[in-house]
Amino acid sequence: MGPDESRRESCVPTVVRATIKPGSKKGPLVEILDDGALQLYVRAPAVEGKANKAAIELLAAHYGVPKSAVRLTGGATSRFKRFEIDD
């Protein structure tokens, strides 16, 4: 493991709290809030899990991990969600 890899892995949190803004014209965008939580703006509507899927894709791109490394662990039907990211 080189120095760049260890620095990236140490920056990836295990659990991420996020607020989702589905159907946003501003997205896809990730903002870091004052309390450390993330605000995710996604264009997908909150219908049939489309916004959740878009949020997972957005988080994977934001942290530079594959989509399979990001799991929704809480808040499937809420705007307030908890994701787990594997290093």
Protein backbone atom coordinates (compact mmCIF):
# COMPACT_ATOMS: atom_id res chain seq x y z
CA MET A 1 0.00 0.00 0.00
CA GLY A 2 1.53 3.31 -1.08
CA PRO A 3 1.26 6.64 0.73
CA ASP A 4 -1.61 7.86 -1.47
CA GLU A 5 -3.70 4.75 -0.78
CA SER A 6 -3.33 4.95 3.00
CA ARG A 7 -4.25 8.64 3.00
CA ARG A 8 -7.40 7.96 0.93
CA GLU A 9 -8.50 5.07 3.14
CA SER A 10 -8.06 7.08 6.32
CA CYS A 11 -10.36 9.78 4.87
CA VAL A 12 -13.23 7.38 4.19
CA PRO A 13 -15.57 7.16 7.20
CA THR A 14 -17.23 3.88 8.08
CA VAL A 15 -20.66 5.42 8.76
CA VAL A 16 -22.00 8.49 6.95
CA ARG A 17 -25.09 10.44 7.97
CA ALA A 18 -26.81 12.20 5.09
CA THR A 19 -29.87 14.22 4.22
CA ILE A 20 -31.24 13.55 0.73
CA LYS A 21 -32.84 16.18 -1.48
CA PRO A 22 -34.52 14.14 -4.24
CA GLY A 23 -35.66 15.74 -7.50
CA SER A 24 -33.14 18.55 -7.09
CA LYS A 25 -32.14 20.66 -10.07
CA LYS A 26 -28.96 21.49 -8.13
CA GLY A 27 -27.68 17.91 -8.18
CA PRO A 28 -25.86 15.71 -8.31
CA LEU A 29 -23.97 17.49 -5.53
CA VAL A 30 -22.54 16.69 -2.09
CA GLU A 31 -22.36 19.39 0.60
CA ILE A 32 -20.78 18.92 4.02
CA LEU A 33 -22.91 20.42 6.80
CA ASP A 34 -21.58 22.05 9.98
CA ASP A 35 -22.30 18.95 12.08
CA GLY A 36 -20.29 16.72 9.70
CA ALA A 37 -23.33 15.18 8.04
CA LEU A 38 -23.68 15.31 4.27
CA GLN A 39 -26.43 16.87 2.21
CA LEU A 40 -26.92 14.98 -1.04
CA TYR A 41 -28.73 16.63 -3.93
CA VAL A 42 -29.90 14.05 -6.46
CA ARG A 43 -32.00 14.52 -9.58
CA ALA A 44 -33.80 11.20 -9.21
CA PRO A 45 -37.30 11.29 -7.70
CA ALA A 46 -38.10 9.66 -4.35
CA VAL A 47 -40.05 6.89 -6.08
CA GLU A 48 -39.32 3.14 -5.94
CA GLY A 49 -35.86 3.67 -4.40
CA LYS A 50 -34.54 5.73 -7.32
CA ALA A 51 -33.26 8.52 -5.04
CA ASN A 52 -31.57 5.98 -2.76
CA LYS A 53 -29.82 4.38 -5.73
CA ALA A 54 -28.69 7.80 -6.98
CA ALA A 55 -27.43 8.67 -3.48
CA ILE A 56 -25.36 5.48 -3.36
CA GLU A 57 -23.85 6.26 -6.77
CA LEU A 58 -23.11 9.84 -5.69
CA LEU A 59 -21.44 8.76 -2.43
CA ALA A 60 -19.35 6.14 -4.24
CA ALA A 61 -18.10 8.78 -6.67
CA HIS A 62 -17.51 11.29 -3.84
CA TYR A 63 -15.37 8.87 -1.81
CA GLY A 64 -13.76 7.15 -4.80
CA VAL A 65 -15.03 3.67 -3.94
CA PRO A 66 -17.09 1.20 -5.99
CA LYS A 67 -20.89 1.36 -5.65
CA SER A 68 -20.82 -2.09 -4.07
CA ALA A 69 -18.83 -0.63 -1.13
CA VAL A 70 -21.71 1.71 -0.16
CA ARG A 71 -24.75 0.33 1.70
CA LEU A 72 -27.86 2.05 2.98
CA THR A 73 -28.16 0.95 6.62
CA GLY A 74 -30.91 3.23 7.89
CA GLY A 75 -33.67 5.55 6.71
CA ALA A 76 -34.72 3.83 3.49
CA THR A 77 -38.00 5.79 3.38
CA SER A 78 -36.77 8.94 5.14
CA ARG A 79 -34.82 11.98 3.98
CA PHE A 80 -32.39 11.31 6.84
CA LYS A 81 -30.23 8.32 5.98
CA ARG A 82 -27.28 6.39 7.27
CA PHE A 83 -24.81 4.76 4.90
CA GLU A 84 -21.98 2.37 5.59
CA ILE A 85 -18.88 2.54 3.40
CA ASP A 86 -16.38 -0.31 3.20
CA ASP A 87 -12.75 0.65 2.88
